[in-house]
Protein backbone atom coordinates (compact mmCIF):
# COMPACT_ATOMS: atom_id res chain seq x y z
CA MET A 1 -10.38 -38.45 -3.09
CA ASN A 2 -6.59 -38.25 -2.99
CA ASP A 3 -6.52 -36.87 -6.55
CA LYS A 4 -8.89 -34.09 -5.43
CA ASN A 5 -6.56 -33.22 -2.57
CA ASN A 6 -3.55 -33.17 -4.90
CA SER A 7 -5.43 -30.98 -7.37
CA ALA A 8 -6.53 -28.62 -4.60
CA ASP A 9 -2.99 -28.52 -3.20
CA THR A 10 -1.68 -27.60 -6.65
CA LEU A 11 -4.25 -24.81 -6.99
CA PHE A 12 -3.45 -23.50 -3.53
CA LYS A 13 0.27 -23.55 -4.30
CA GLU A 14 -0.30 -21.61 -7.51
CA HIS A 15 -2.47 -19.03 -5.79
CA ARG A 16 -0.13 -18.74 -2.84
CA ALA A 17 2.77 -18.21 -5.23
CA ARG A 18 0.81 -15.41 -6.91
CA ILE A 19 0.04 -13.86 -3.52
CA ASP A 20 3.71 -14.08 -2.54
CA ASP A 21 4.65 -12.36 -5.81
CA LEU A 22 2.08 -9.63 -5.24
CA ASP A 23 3.29 -9.13 -1.66
CA GLU A 24 6.84 -8.72 -2.93
CA ARG A 25 5.68 -6.14 -5.47
CA ILE A 26 3.71 -4.27 -2.78
CA ILE A 27 6.77 -4.16 -0.50
CA THR A 28 8.93 -2.92 -3.38
CA LEU A 29 6.42 -0.15 -4.10
CA LEU A 30 6.23 0.75 -0.41
CA ALA A 31 10.02 1.04 -0.26
CA GLU A 32 9.96 3.27 -3.34
CA ARG A 33 7.18 5.38 -1.81
CA PHE A 34 9.14 5.84 1.42
CA GLU A 35 12.22 6.90 -0.56
CA VAL A 36 10.20 9.60 -2.31
CA VAL A 37 8.68 10.69 1.01
CA GLN A 38 12.18 11.00 2.47
CA ASP A 39 13.24 13.11 -0.51
CA VAL A 40 10.23 15.37 0.01
CA GLY A 41 11.12 15.64 3.70
CA ARG A 42 14.64 16.78 2.84
CA ILE A 43 13.31 19.37 0.40
CA LYS A 44 10.84 20.65 3.00
CA ALA A 45 13.60 20.88 5.60
CA ALA A 46 15.82 22.83 3.21
CA GLN A 47 12.94 25.21 2.44
CA ASN A 48 11.82 25.51 6.09
CA ILE A 49 8.42 24.05 5.20
CA PRO A 50 6.53 22.15 7.91
CA VAL A 51 6.96 18.41 7.44
CA VAL A 52 3.31 17.58 8.05
CA GLN A 53 0.77 19.28 5.83
CA HIS A 54 -2.58 18.09 7.10
CA GLU A 55 -4.56 19.15 4.03
CA ARG A 56 -2.25 17.18 1.75
CA ALA A 57 -2.34 14.13 4.04
CA GLU A 58 -6.14 14.22 4.07
CA SER A 59 -6.23 14.59 0.29
CA VAL A 60 -3.95 11.57 -0.15
CA LYS A 61 -6.12 9.45 2.15
CA GLN A 62 -9.33 10.51 0.40
CA ARG A 63 -7.84 9.75 -3.02
CA ALA A 64 -6.61 6.33 -1.90
CA ALA A 65 -10.03 5.46 -0.47
CA ARG A 66 -11.76 6.58 -3.66
CA LEU A 67 -9.38 4.61 -5.88
CA ALA A 68 -9.87 1.56 -3.67
CA GLU A 69 -13.65 1.79 -3.89
CA GLU A 70 -13.46 2.19 -7.68
CA ARG A 71 -11.63 -1.14 -7.74
CA GLY A 72 -14.09 -2.90 -5.45
CA LEU A 73 -11.99 -2.63 -2.29
CA ASP A 74 -12.97 -1.39 1.14
CA GLY A 75 -12.24 2.33 1.06
CA ALA A 76 -12.16 2.58 4.86
CA LEU A 77 -9.54 -0.16 5.06
CA VAL A 78 -7.34 1.50 2.46
CA ARG A 79 -7.79 4.87 4.17
CA HIS A 80 -6.62 3.26 7.42
CA ILE A 81 -3.60 1.76 5.66
CA TYR A 82 -2.70 5.18 4.26
CA THR A 83 -3.14 6.75 7.68
CA LEU A 84 -0.55 4.28 8.97
CA LEU A 85 1.77 5.01 6.04
CA ILE A 86 1.54 8.75 6.50
CA ASP A 87 1.92 8.55 10.28
CA HIS A 88 4.98 6.33 9.89
CA ALA A 89 6.65 8.66 7.42
């Protein structure tokens, strides 16, 4: 029984390490995304273009949901995440 626990602990550690690595990659990509969004905001400001373009925001959310569903993820969840990202930017 103890060997089973050790084996399970090892598997959990390996999977948790993979999850930690993925989380770090996600955060890095989010930081990169926010940098690009800030650049776009500066360009819009210099061109006197409204910061929020609702059609574009909706298009981004729809695309994200579609891509998520194509990969077997919950499109509504990903759409909500992108709503948060866009609202935060």
